[in-house]
Amino acid sequence: MPNKSAIKLITAEISALESLLETIDESFDHTTGLIASCSGKIIVVGIGKSGHVGNKMAATFASLGTPAFFLHAGDAAHGDLGMIANEDVCILISYSGQSDELLDILQPIRRIGADTVAITGNPDSALAKQCDFHLDIGVRSEADPLGLAPTSSSTATLVLGDALAIAVMETRGFKEEDFAVLHPGGVLGKKLLLTVDQIFHKDDEIPLIDKDIKIQEALLTISEKGLGFTGVVNDTGSLIGIITDGDIRRGFEKGGQELFNMTAEYLMTDSPKSIPANILAIKALEIMEEHSITSLFVHETEDPDKLCGVVHIHDLLNTGI
């Protein structure tokens, strides 16, 4: 049987978010424009549970291309106001809007010249009235039975921060490619930044044999290079085919020992697929999946006839893309 207390609290928090929806007005648009046009940093200021939410809010802004950091209101009053400059925007979070720690530093921030935005649950509070802009989270009571613990208010503030960060992102034209630059260690970053030339096998690691080489020697090359295939080149060194270990196995099943007296040209598959060195690794993986193959030859970006490497599906999967 579902826990009644949990259901009641979650229902109350959903109701709080519905109230938040009703507060999104011109103030939200003005704040979005202020932050999007900011030439400095976004400093999110808070204390207590509002501070924890503010820390996450700042991290979300930074993640989406807007330079931001969190400043604890207590530390701000003891020297850390030096982190704020006149081209910055300060977002001050306080559910009551009456937190002394924030009100005490509001005037110094204004003297520095930074713009100020208050996020509160009380439009009539001192903080709401004294900041340049005010965003109302629309929550008038908490969801916990005592009505004391930050629950609905912190949830609504968190969601409002996300909404603000996304609105600024869209206003600034922040795209997937920009996200990838800021997240080079993540999966998306790899998908949008990792190119084949960063992971391919080159020089002596490329398995290649002459078209007139016997199949037995081709098998030795495949075994030595350890990629499960070898390229076949003509008299001028141009790539003309590919032989996989599967090709040899199937050929042996059909022709027996006589296969080993044949040349590479007899068994190879013509016109193997190749890709430019600067192609994204994820694109190379898509090509392999589309054609049900496990390897691709790599040619110079500006010269399709100049072979420079090979990439195996294991190389791509090992990157985590």
C-alpha atoms as a PDB file:
ATOM      1  CA  MET A   1       0.000   0.000   0.000  1.00  0.00           C
ATOM      2  CA  PRO A   2       1.492   3.385  -0.983  1.00  0.00           C
ATOM      3  CA  ASN A   3       2.724   5.582   1.830  1.00  0.00           C
ATOM      4  CA  LYS A   4       0.057   8.239   2.379  1.00  0.00           C
ATOM      5  CA  SER A   5       2.517  10.748   3.759  1.00  0.00           C
ATOM      6  CA  ALA A   6       4.760  10.474   0.693  1.00  0.00           C
ATOM      7  CA  ILE A   7       1.832  10.835  -1.696  1.00  0.00           C
ATOM      8  CA  LYS A   8       0.532  13.861   0.217  1.00  0.00           C
ATOM      9  CA  LEU A   9       3.913  15.584   0.125  1.00  0.00           C
ATOM     10  CA  ILE A  10       4.544  14.880  -3.550  1.00  0.00           C
ATOM     11  CA  THR A  11       1.050  16.096  -4.403  1.00  0.00           C
ATOM     12  CA  ALA A  12       1.716  19.301  -2.480  1.00  0.00           C
ATOM     13  CA  GLU A  13       4.993  19.856  -4.317  1.00  0.00           C
ATOM     14  CA  ILE A  14       3.310  19.317  -7.686  1.00  0.00           C
ATOM     15  CA  SER A  15       0.726  21.892  -6.636  1.00  0.00           C
ATOM     16  CA  ALA A  16       3.556  24.278  -5.757  1.00  0.00           C
ATOM     17  CA  LEU A  17       5.006  23.921  -9.249  1.00  0.00           C
ATOM     18  CA  GLU A  18       1.595  24.638 -10.731  1.00  0.00           C
ATOM     19  CA  SER A  19       1.575  27.837  -8.684  1.00  0.00           C
ATOM     20  CA  LEU A  20       5.027  28.648 -10.029  1.00  0.00           C
ATOM     21  CA  LEU A  21       3.649  28.415 -13.564  1.00  0.00           C
ATOM     22  CA  GLU A  22       1.274  31.272 -12.795  1.00  0.00           C
ATOM     23  CA  THR A  23       4.113  33.589 -11.742  1.00  0.00           C
ATOM     24  CA  ILE A  24       6.011  33.431 -15.046  1.00  0.00           C
ATOM     25  CA  ASP A  25       5.400  36.914 -16.429  1.00  0.00           C
ATOM     26  CA  GLU A  26       7.240  39.943 -17.801  1.00  0.00           C
ATOM     27  CA  SER A  27       9.592  39.929 -14.810  1.00  0.00           C
ATOM     28  CA  PHE A  28      10.890  36.551 -15.931  1.00  0.00           C
ATOM     29  CA  ASP A  29      11.402  37.871 -19.481  1.00  0.00           C
ATOM     30  CA  HIS A  30      13.171  40.996 -18.217  1.00  0.00           C
ATOM     31  CA  THR A  31      15.446  38.902 -15.987  1.00  0.00           C
ATOM     32  CA  THR A  32      16.229  36.576 -18.882  1.00  0.00           C
ATOM     33  CA  GLY A  33      17.212  39.542 -21.034  1.00  0.00           C
ATOM     34  CA  LEU A  34      19.328  41.021 -18.234  1.00  0.00           C
ATOM     35  CA  ILE A  35      21.299  37.806 -17.747  1.00  0.00           C
ATOM     36  CA  ALA A  36      21.610  37.062 -21.479  1.00  0.00           C
ATOM     37  CA  SER A  37      23.108  40.508 -22.113  1.00  0.00           C
ATOM     38  CA  CYS A  38      25.391  40.402 -19.066  1.00  0.00           C
ATOM     39  CA  SER A  39      29.025  41.007 -20.044  1.00  0.00           C
ATOM     40  CA  GLY A  40      30.272  39.817 -16.674  1.00  0.00           C
ATOM     41  CA  LYS A  41      29.386  36.899 -14.449  1.00  0.00           C
ATOM     42  CA  ILE A  42      26.238  35.631 -12.785  1.00  0.00           C
ATOM     43  CA  ILE A  43      26.694  35.393  -9.031  1.00  0.00           C
ATOM     44  CA  VAL A  44      24.039  33.417  -7.170  1.00  0.00           C
ATOM     45  CA  VAL A  45      23.885  34.368  -3.491  1.00  0.00           C
ATOM     46  CA  GLY A  46      22.132  32.434  -0.745  1.00  0.00           C
ATOM     47  CA  ILE A  47      22.367  30.818   2.654  1.00  0.00           C
ATOM     48  CA  GLY A  48      21.028  27.624   4.195  1.00  0.00           C
ATOM     49  CA  LYS A  49      18.838  25.456   1.960  1.00  0.00           C
ATOM     50  CA  SER A  50      18.447  28.354  -0.472  1.00  0.00           C
ATOM     51  CA  GLY A  51      22.208  28.330  -0.716  1.00  0.00           C
ATOM     52  CA  HIS A  52      22.261  24.677  -1.740  1.00  0.00           C
ATOM     53  CA  VAL A  53      19.704  25.394  -4.443  1.00  0.00           C
ATOM     54  CA  GLY A  54      21.680  28.454  -5.503  1.00  0.00           C
ATOM     55  CA  ASN A  55      24.832  26.386  -5.837  1.00  0.00           C
ATOM     56  CA  LYS A  56      23.048  24.066  -8.251  1.00  0.00           C
ATOM     57  CA  MET A  57      21.553  27.039 -10.109  1.00  0.00           C
ATOM     58  CA  ALA A  58      24.989  28.547 -10.683  1.00  0.00           C
ATOM     59  CA  ALA A  59      26.325  25.210 -11.874  1.00  0.00           C
ATOM     60  CA  THR A  60      23.478  24.912 -14.383  1.00  0.00           C
ATOM     61  CA  PHE A  61      24.135  28.395 -15.778  1.00  0.00           C
ATOM     62  CA  ALA A  62      27.844  27.605 -16.173  1.00  0.00           C
ATOM     63  CA  SER A  63      27.078  24.252 -17.784  1.00  0.00           C
ATOM     64  CA  LEU A  64      24.980  26.013 -20.404  1.00  0.00           C
ATOM     65  CA  GLY A  65      27.553  28.619 -21.326  1.00  0.00           C
ATOM     66  CA  THR A  66      26.776  31.470 -18.908  1.00  0.00           C
ATOM     67  CA  PRO A  67      29.741  32.135 -16.569  1.00  0.00           C
ATOM     68  CA  ALA A  68      28.395  31.793 -13.041  1.00  0.00           C
ATOM     69  CA  PHE A  69      29.360  30.836  -9.505  1.00  0.00           C
ATOM     70  CA  PHE A  70      27.742  30.573  -6.090  1.00  0.00           C
ATOM     71  CA  LEU A  71      28.596  32.983  -3.257  1.00  0.00           C
ATOM     72  CA  HIS A  72      27.622  32.183   0.324  1.00  0.00           C
ATOM     73  CA  ALA A  73      25.970  35.241   1.870  1.00  0.00           C
ATOM     74  CA  GLY A  74      27.928  34.829   5.102  1.00  0.00           C
ATOM     75  CA  ASP A  75      31.250  34.773   3.267  1.00  0.00           C
ATOM     76  CA  ALA A  76      30.188  37.735   1.145  1.00  0.00           C
ATOM     77  CA  ALA A  77      29.891  39.874   4.262  1.00  0.00           C
ATOM     78  CA  HIS A  78      33.447  39.011   5.234  1.00  0.00           C
ATOM     79  CA  GLY A  79      35.443  39.935   2.161  1.00  0.00           C
ATOM     80  CA  ASP A  80      34.091  37.806  -0.661  1.00  0.00           C
ATOM     81  CA  LEU A  81      32.145  40.758  -2.069  1.00  0.00           C
ATOM     82  CA  GLY A  82      35.433  41.390  -3.850  1.00  0.00           C
ATOM     83  CA  MET A  83      34.376  38.646  -6.276  1.00  0.00           C
ATOM     84  CA  ILE A  84      31.631  40.902  -7.604  1.00  0.00           C
ATOM     85  CA  ALA A  85      32.194  43.545 -10.300  1.00  0.00           C
ATOM     86  CA  ASN A  86      29.933  46.243 -11.704  1.00  0.00           C
ATOM     87  CA  GLU A  87      29.244  44.337 -14.947  1.00  0.00           C
ATOM     88  CA  ASP A  88      27.910  41.311 -13.026  1.00  0.00           C
ATOM     89  CA  VAL A  89      24.367  40.216 -12.179  1.00  0.00           C
ATOM     90  CA  CYS A  90      23.671  38.991  -8.644  1.00  0.00           C
ATOM     91  CA  ILE A  91      20.754  36.626  -8.018  1.00  0.00           C
ATOM     92  CA  LEU A  92      19.829  36.667  -4.328  1.00  0.00           C
ATOM     93  CA  ILE A  93      17.708  33.749  -3.073  1.00  0.00           C
ATOM     94  CA  SER A  94      15.626  33.884   0.084  1.00  0.00           C
ATOM     95  CA  TYR A  95      12.212  32.278   0.494  1.00  0.00           C
ATOM     96  CA  SER A  96      11.119  34.798   3.110  1.00  0.00           C
ATOM     97  CA  GLY A  97      12.873  37.682   1.428  1.00  0.00           C
ATOM     98  CA  GLN A  98      13.823  38.871   4.901  1.00  0.00           C
ATOM     99  CA  SER A  99      17.141  37.067   5.495  1.00  0.00           C
ATOM    100  CA  ASP A 100      19.421  39.493   7.316  1.00  0.00           C
ATOM    101  CA  GLU A 101      22.522  37.969   5.727  1.00  0.00           C
ATOM    102  CA  LEU A 102      21.281  38.914   2.238  1.00  0.00           C
ATOM    103  CA  LEU A 103      19.795  42.281   3.184  1.00  0.00           C
ATOM    104  CA  ASP A 104      23.084  43.268   4.864  1.00  0.00           C
ATOM    105  CA  ILE A 105      25.063  42.817   1.645  1.00  0.00           C
ATOM    106  CA  LEU A 106      22.451  44.205  -0.752  1.00  0.00           C
ATOM    107  CA  GLN A 107      23.501  47.818  -0.436  1.00  0.00           C
ATOM    108  CA  PRO A 108      27.245  47.029  -0.834  1.00  0.00           C
ATOM    109  CA  ILE A 109      26.411  45.063  -3.983  1.00  0.00           C
ATOM    110  CA  ARG A 110      24.433  48.003  -5.334  1.00  0.00           C
ATOM    111  CA  ARG A 111      27.361  50.321  -4.571  1.00  0.00           C
ATOM    112  CA  ILE A 112      29.651  48.034  -6.562  1.00  0.00           C
ATOM    113  CA  GLY A 113      27.252  48.548  -9.454  1.00  0.00           C
ATOM    114  CA  ALA A 114      26.072  45.003 -10.128  1.00  0.00           C
ATOM    115  CA  ASP A 115      22.466  44.432 -11.125  1.00  0.00           C
ATOM    116  CA  THR A 116      20.362  42.517  -8.612  1.00  0.00           C
ATOM    117  CA  VAL A 117      17.591  39.943  -8.948  1.00  0.00           C
ATOM    118  CA  ALA A 118      15.675  38.625  -5.956  1.00  0.00           C
ATOM    119  CA  ILE A 119      14.052  35.187  -5.927  1.00  0.00           C
ATOM    120  CA  THR A 120      11.612  34.889  -3.040  1.00  0.00           C
ATOM    121  CA  GLY A 121       8.208  33.566  -2.033  1.00  0.00           C
ATOM    122  CA  ASN A 122       7.165  36.974  -0.704  1.00  0.00           C
ATOM    123  CA  PRO A 123       6.660  39.799  -3.224  1.00  0.00           C
ATOM    124  CA  ASP A 124       6.192  42.277  -0.352  1.00  0.00           C
ATOM    125  CA  SER A 125       9.485  41.429   1.324  1.00  0.00           C
ATOM    126  CA  ALA A 126      12.370  43.860   1.745  1.00  0.00           C
ATOM    127  CA  LEU A 127      14.604  41.889  -0.594  1.00  0.00           C
ATOM    128  CA  ALA A 128      11.945  41.748  -3.305  1.00  0.00           C
ATOM    129  CA  LYS A 129      11.356  45.482  -3.144  1.00  0.00           C
ATOM    130  CA  GLN A 130      14.982  46.573  -2.953  1.00  0.00           C
ATOM    131  CA  CYS A 131      16.402  44.508  -5.856  1.00  0.00           C
ATOM    132  CA  ASP A 132      16.236  45.659  -9.470  1.00  0.00           C
ATOM    133  CA  PHE A 133      14.081  42.658 -10.425  1.00  0.00           C
ATOM    134  CA  HIS A 134      12.033  40.162  -8.464  1.00  0.00           C
ATOM    135  CA  LEU A 135      10.957  36.629  -9.360  1.00  0.00           C
ATOM    136  CA  ASP A 136       8.179  35.147  -7.254  1.00  0.00           C
ATOM    137  CA  ILE A 137       8.252  31.360  -6.849  1.00  0.00           C
ATOM    138  CA  GLY A 138       4.531  31.421  -6.028  1.00  0.00           C
ATOM    139  CA  VAL A 139       4.862  29.196  -2.947  1.00  0.00           C
ATOM    140  CA  ARG A 140       3.163  30.423   0.212  1.00  0.00           C
ATOM    141  CA  SER A 141       3.486  27.322   2.392  1.00  0.00           C
ATOM    142  CA  GLU A 142       5.783  24.328   2.703  1.00  0.00           C
ATOM    143  CA  ALA A 143       4.751  20.750   2.007  1.00  0.00           C
ATOM    144  CA  ASP A 144       5.993  19.203   5.236  1.00  0.00           C
ATOM    145  CA  PRO A 145       3.373  18.615   7.994  1.00  0.00           C
ATOM    146  CA  LEU A 146       4.908  21.309  10.209  1.00  0.00           C
ATOM    147  CA  GLY A 147       5.076  23.823   7.402  1.00  0.00           C
ATOM    148  CA  LEU A 148       8.663  24.625   8.346  1.00  0.00           C
ATOM    149  CA  ALA A 149      11.183  22.549   6.384  1.00  0.00           C
ATOM    150  CA  PRO A 150      12.180  23.915   2.941  1.00  0.00           C
ATOM    151  CA  THR A 151      10.319  21.520   0.647  1.00  0.00           C
ATOM    152  CA  SER A 152       7.912  23.135  -1.796  1.00  0.00           C
ATOM    153  CA  SER A 153       9.887  26.385  -1.726  1.00  0.00           C
ATOM    154  CA  SER A 154      13.242  24.776  -2.511  1.00  0.00           C
ATOM    155  CA  THR A 155      11.708  22.608  -5.236  1.00  0.00           C
ATOM    156  CA  ALA A 156      10.042  25.593  -6.897  1.00  0.00           C
ATOM    157  CA  THR A 157      13.229  27.647  -6.653  1.00  0.00           C
ATOM    158  CA  LEU A 158      15.226  24.815  -8.224  1.00  0.00           C
ATOM    159  CA  VAL A 159      12.776  24.543 -11.120  1.00  0.00           C
ATOM    160  CA  LEU A 160      12.688  28.315 -11.588  1.00  0.00           C
ATOM    161  CA  GLY A 161      16.486  28.341 -11.768  1.00  0.00           C
ATOM    162  CA  ASP A 162      16.431  25.640 -14.436  1.00  0.00           C
ATOM    163  CA  ALA A 163      13.801  27.532 -16.407  1.00  0.00           C
ATOM    164  CA  LEU A 164      15.839  30.732 -16.204  1.00  0.00           C
ATOM    165  CA  ALA A 165      19.043  28.992 -17.296  1.00  0.00           C
ATOM    166  CA  ILE A 166      17.306  27.368 -20.273  1.00  0.00           C
ATOM    167  CA  ALA A 167      15.643  30.634 -21.307  1.00  0.00           C
ATOM    168  CA  VAL A 168      19.022  32.390 -21.235  1.00  0.00           C
ATOM    169  CA  MET A 169      20.603  29.528 -23.179  1.00  0.00           C
ATOM    170  CA  GLU A 170      17.996  29.849 -25.921  1.00  0.00           C
ATOM    171  CA  THR A 171      18.314  33.644 -25.990  1.00  0.00           C
ATOM    172  CA  ARG A 172      22.076  33.369 -26.417  1.00  0.00           C
ATOM    173  CA  GLY A 173      21.753  30.728 -29.129  1.00  0.00           C
ATOM    174  CA  PHE A 174      23.719  28.122 -27.164  1.00  0.00           C
ATOM    175  CA  LYS A 175      23.832  24.867 -29.179  1.00  0.00           C
ATOM    176  CA  GLU A 176      24.811  21.212 -28.812  1.00  0.00           C
ATOM    177  CA  GLU A 177      28.272  21.954 -30.158  1.00  0.00           C
ATOM    178  CA  ASP A 178      28.804  24.618 -27.476  1.00  0.00           C
ATOM    179  CA  PHE A 179      27.643  22.184 -24.788  1.00  0.00           C
ATOM    180  CA  ALA A 180      30.141  19.623 -26.039  1.00  0.00           C
ATOM    181  CA  VAL A 181      33.027  22.094 -25.723  1.00  0.00           C
ATOM    182  CA  LEU A 182      32.146  22.610 -22.053  1.00  0.00           C
ATOM    183  CA  HIS A 183      31.705  18.857 -21.444  1.00  0.00           C
ATOM    184  CA  PRO A 184      34.661  17.234 -23.243  1.00  0.00           C
ATOM    185  CA  GLY A 185      34.717  14.339 -20.799  1.00  0.00           C
ATOM    186  CA  GLY A 186      31.073  13.436 -21.224  1.00  0.00           C
ATOM    187  CA  VAL A 187      29.452  11.162 -23.779  1.00  0.00           C
ATOM    188  CA  LEU A 188      27.896  14.052 -25.682  1.00  0.00           C
ATOM    189  CA  GLY A 189      31.238  15.831 -25.805  1.00  0.00           C
ATOM    190  CA  LYS A 190      32.865  12.774 -27.336  1.00  0.00           C
ATOM    191  CA  LYS A 191      30.060  12.374 -29.851  1.00  0.00           C
ATOM    192  CA  LEU A 192      30.415  15.946 -31.049  1.00  0.00           C
ATOM    193  CA  LEU A 193      34.179  16.437 -30.731  1.00  0.00           C
ATOM    194  CA  LEU A 194      36.007  13.118 -31.130  1.00  0.00           C
ATOM    195  CA  THR A 195      37.292  12.577 -34.675  1.00  0.00           C
ATOM    196  CA  VAL A 196      38.652   9.406 -36.237  1.00  0.00           C
ATOM    197  CA  ASP A 197      42.201  10.753 -36.543  1.00  0.00           C
ATOM    198  CA  GLN A 198      42.402  10.805 -32.739  1.00  0.00           C
ATOM    199  CA  ILE A 199      41.914   7.056 -32.398  1.00  0.00           C
ATOM    200  CA  PHE A 200      42.851   5.350 -35.676  1.00  0.00           C
ATOM    201  CA  HIS A 201      45.738   2.954 -36.382  1.00  0.00           C
ATOM    202  CA  LYS A 202      48.427   4.414 -38.603  1.00  0.00           C
ATOM    203  CA  ASP A 203      51.844   3.809 -40.169  1.00  0.00           C
ATOM    204  CA  ASP A 204      53.067   0.244 -39.453  1.00  0.00           C
ATOM    205  CA  GLU A 205      49.823  -0.575 -37.647  1.00  0.00           C
ATOM    206  CA  ILE A 206      47.912  -0.526 -40.949  1.00  0.00           C
ATOM    207  CA  PRO A 207      47.482  -4.092 -42.291  1.00  0.00           C
ATOM    208  CA  LEU A 208      48.335  -4.021 -46.013  1.00  0.00           C
ATOM    209  CA  ILE A 209      49.418  -6.632 -48.554  1.00  0.00           C
ATOM    210  CA  ASP A 210      50.151  -6.654 -52.270  1.00  0.00           C
ATOM    211  CA  LYS A 211      47.447  -8.073 -54.556  1.00  0.00           C
ATOM    212  CA  ASP A 212      49.810 -10.822 -55.738  1.00  0.00           C
ATOM    213  CA  ILE A 213      50.560 -12.105 -52.224  1.00  0.00           C
ATOM    214  CA  LYS A 214      49.397 -15.654 -51.509  1.00  0.00           C
ATOM    215  CA  ILE A 215      46.440 -16.119 -49.149  1.00  0.00           C
ATOM    216  CA  GLN A 216      48.659 -17.908 -46.632  1.00  0.00           C
ATOM    217  CA  GLU A 217      50.781 -14.764 -46.258  1.00  0.00           C
ATOM    218  CA  ALA A 218      47.649 -12.645 -46.089  1.00  0.00           C
ATOM    219  CA  LEU A 219      46.507 -14.729 -43.125  1.00  0.00           C
ATOM    220  CA  LEU A 220      49.852 -14.126 -41.405  1.00  0.00           C
ATOM    221  CA  THR A 221      49.456 -10.349 -41.878  1.00  0.00           C
ATOM    222  CA  ILE A 222      45.929 -10.428 -40.488  1.00  0.00           C
ATOM    223  CA  SER A 223      47.154 -12.376 -37.467  1.00  0.00           C
ATOM    224  CA  GLU A 224      50.163 -10.104 -36.929  1.00  0.00           C
ATOM    225  CA  LYS A 225      48.232  -6.813 -37.048  1.00  0.00           C
ATOM    226  CA  GLY A 226      45.426  -8.181 -34.891  1.00  0.00           C
ATOM    227  CA  LEU A 227      42.539  -6.268 -36.479  1.00  0.00           C
ATOM    228  CA  GLY A 228      40.853  -9.171 -38.235  1.00  0.00           C
ATOM    229  CA  PHE A 229      41.457  -7.933 -41.778  1.00  0.00           C
ATOM    230  CA  THR A 230      44.003  -6.601 -44.233  1.00  0.00           C
ATOM    231  CA  GLY A 231      43.858  -4.125 -47.053  1.00  0.00           C
ATOM    232  CA  VAL A 232      45.000  -5.091 -50.544  1.00  0.00           C
ATOM    233  CA  VAL A 233      46.962  -2.662 -52.710  1.00  0.00           C
ATOM    234  CA  ASN A 234      47.896  -2.674 -56.415  1.00  0.00           C
ATOM    235  CA  ASP A 235      51.286  -2.089 -58.051  1.00  0.00           C
ATOM    236  CA  THR A 236      51.058   1.683 -57.453  1.00  0.00           C
ATOM    237  CA  GLY A 237      50.170   1.260 -53.780  1.00  0.00           C
ATOM    238  CA  SER A 238      46.517   2.240 -54.162  1.00  0.00           C
ATOM    239  CA  LEU A 239      43.963   0.478 -51.999  1.00  0.00           C
ATOM    240  CA  ILE A 240      41.830  -1.833 -54.147  1.00  0.00           C
ATOM    241  CA  GLY A 241      40.374  -4.399 -51.753  1.00  0.00           C
ATOM    242  CA  ILE A 242      40.007  -5.923 -48.322  1.00  0.00           C
ATOM    243  CA  ILE A 243      40.280  -9.461 -46.958  1.00  0.00           C
ATOM    244  CA  THR A 244      38.889 -10.390 -43.543  1.00  0.00           C
ATOM    245  CA  ASP A 245      39.638 -13.467 -41.484  1.00  0.00           C
ATOM    246  CA  GLY A 246      36.034 -14.446 -42.153  1.00  0.00           C
ATOM    247  CA  ASP A 247      36.685 -14.317 -45.912  1.00  0.00           C
ATOM    248  CA  ILE A 248      39.588 -16.752 -45.512  1.00  0.00           C
ATOM    249  CA  ARG A 249      37.601 -19.090 -43.287  1.00  0.00           C
ATOM    250  CA  ARG A 250      34.699 -19.211 -45.734  1.00  0.00           C
ATOM    251  CA  GLY A 251      37.093 -19.607 -48.660  1.00  0.00           C
ATOM    252  CA  PHE A 252      38.827 -22.523 -46.965  1.00  0.00           C
ATOM    253  CA  GLU A 253      35.472 -24.204 -46.281  1.00  0.00           C
ATOM    254  CA  LYS A 254      34.653 -24.030 -49.993  1.00  0.00           C
ATOM    255  CA  GLY A 255      38.028 -24.664 -51.604  1.00  0.00           C
ATOM    256  CA  GLY A 256      40.095 -26.439 -48.971  1.00  0.00           C
ATOM    257  CA  GLN A 257      43.903 -26.294 -49.097  1.00  0.00           C
ATOM    258  CA  GLU A 258      43.855 -25.014 -52.687  1.00  0.00           C
ATOM    259  CA  LEU A 259      42.814 -21.605 -51.327  1.00  0.00           C
ATOM    260  CA  PHE A 260      46.322 -21.044 -49.992  1.00  0.00           C
ATOM    261  CA  ASN A 261      47.731 -21.181 -53.524  1.00  0.00           C
ATOM    262  CA  MET A 262      45.459 -18.322 -54.579  1.00  0.00           C
ATOM    263  CA  THR A 263      46.499 -14.664 -54.502  1.00  0.00           C
ATOM    264  CA  ALA A 264      44.935 -11.909 -52.429  1.00  0.00           C
ATOM    265  CA  GLU A 265      43.299 -10.444 -55.524  1.00  0.00           C
ATOM    266  CA  TYR A 266      41.300 -13.653 -55.947  1.00  0.00           C
ATOM    267  CA  LEU A 267      39.681 -13.528 -52.509  1.00  0.00           C
ATOM    268  CA  MET A 268      39.464  -9.801 -51.759  1.00  0.00           C
ATOM    269  CA  THR A 269      36.320  -7.703 -51.719  1.00  0.00           C
ATOM    270  CA  ASP A 270      36.672  -4.813 -54.174  1.00  0.00           C
ATOM    271  CA  SER A 271      36.433  -1.132 -53.319  1.00  0.00           C
ATOM    272  CA  PRO A 272      36.541  -1.213 -49.517  1.00  0.00           C
ATOM    273  CA  LYS A 273      34.870   1.695 -47.759  1.00  0.00           C
ATOM    274  CA  SER A 274      37.003   4.552 -46.505  1.00  0.00           C
ATOM    275  CA  ILE A 275      36.342   7.759 -44.616  1.00  0.00           C
ATOM    276  CA  PRO A 276      38.200  11.076 -44.219  1.00  0.00           C
ATOM    277  CA  ALA A 277      40.445  11.469 -41.194  1.00  0.00           C
ATOM    278  CA  ASN A 278      38.477  14.418 -39.815  1.00  0.00           C
ATOM    279  CA  ILE A 279      35.116  12.620 -39.709  1.00  0.00           C
ATOM    280  CA  LEU A 280      33.456  12.320 -36.294  1.00  0.00           C
ATOM    281  CA  ALA A 281      33.983   8.972 -34.602  1.00  0.00           C
ATOM    282  CA  ILE A 282      30.237   8.622 -34.023  1.00  0.00           C
ATOM    283  CA  LYS A 283      29.671   9.030 -37.772  1.00  0.00           C
ATOM    284  CA  ALA A 284      32.201   6.292 -38.490  1.00  0.00           C
ATOM    285  CA  LEU A 285      30.320   4.014 -36.096  1.00  0.00           C
ATOM    286  CA  GLU A 286      27.046   4.794 -37.873  1.00  0.00           C
ATOM    287  CA  ILE A 287      28.613   3.880 -41.233  1.00  0.00           C
ATOM    288  CA  MET A 288      29.829   0.555 -39.854  1.00  0.00           C
ATOM    289  CA  GLU A 289      26.400  -0.234 -38.435  1.00  0.00           C
ATOM    290  CA  GLU A 290      24.667   0.778 -41.660  1.00  0.00           C
ATOM    291  CA  HIS A 291      26.828  -1.533 -43.789  1.00  0.00           C
ATOM    292  CA  SER A 292      27.264  -4.294 -41.170  1.00  0.00           C
ATOM    293  CA  ILE A 293      31.054  -4.032 -41.226  1.00  0.00           C
ATOM    294  CA  THR A 294      33.604  -3.834 -38.431  1.00  0.00           C
ATOM    295  CA  SER A 295      36.344  -1.679 -39.939  1.00  0.00           C
ATOM    296  CA  LEU A 296      36.953   1.305 -42.179  1.00  0.00           C
ATOM    297  CA  PHE A 297      40.012   2.600 -43.954  1.00  0.00           C
ATOM    298  CA  VAL A 298      40.881   6.234 -43.329  1.00  0.00           C
ATOM    299  CA  HIS A 299      42.180   8.610 -45.982  1.00  0.00           C
ATOM    300  CA  GLU A 300      43.635  12.096 -45.800  1.00  0.00           C
ATOM    301  CA  THR A 301      40.935  14.735 -45.477  1.00  0.00           C
ATOM    302  CA  GLU A 302      42.064  16.634 -48.544  1.00  0.00           C
ATOM    303  CA  ASP A 303      43.172  13.619 -50.583  1.00  0.00           C
ATOM    304  CA  PRO A 304      40.744  10.657 -50.830  1.00  0.00           C
ATOM    305  CA  ASP A 305      43.401   8.613 -52.638  1.00  0.00           C
ATOM    306  CA  LYS A 306      45.966   8.876 -49.841  1.00  0.00           C
ATOM    307  CA  LEU A 307      45.492   6.185 -47.200  1.00  0.00           C
ATOM    308  CA  CYS A 308      46.548   7.236 -43.697  1.00  0.00           C
ATOM    309  CA  GLY A 309      44.999   4.745 -41.305  1.00  0.00           C
ATOM    310  CA  VAL A 310      42.337   2.217 -40.330  1.00  0.00           C
ATOM    311  CA  VAL A 311      39.744   2.200 -37.569  1.00  0.00           C
ATOM    312  CA  HIS A 312      38.082  -0.865 -36.057  1.00  0.00           C
ATOM    313  CA  ILE A 313      34.691  -0.932 -34.361  1.00  0.00           C
ATOM    314  CA  HIS A 314      36.389  -1.843 -31.076  1.00  0.00           C
ATOM    315  CA  ASP A 315      38.384   1.400 -31.264  1.00  0.00           C
ATOM    316  CA  LEU A 316      35.114   3.322 -31.479  1.00  0.00           C
ATOM    317  CA  LEU A 317      33.273   1.397 -28.781  1.00  0.00           C
ATOM    318  CA  ASN A 318      36.208   1.747 -26.389  1.00  0.00           C
ATOM    319  CA  THR A 319      35.773   5.538 -26.474  1.00  0.00           C
ATOM    320  CA  GLY A 320      32.366   5.195 -24.851  1.00  0.00           C
ATOM    321  CA  ILE A 321      30.420   6.930 -27.623  1.00  0.00           C
END
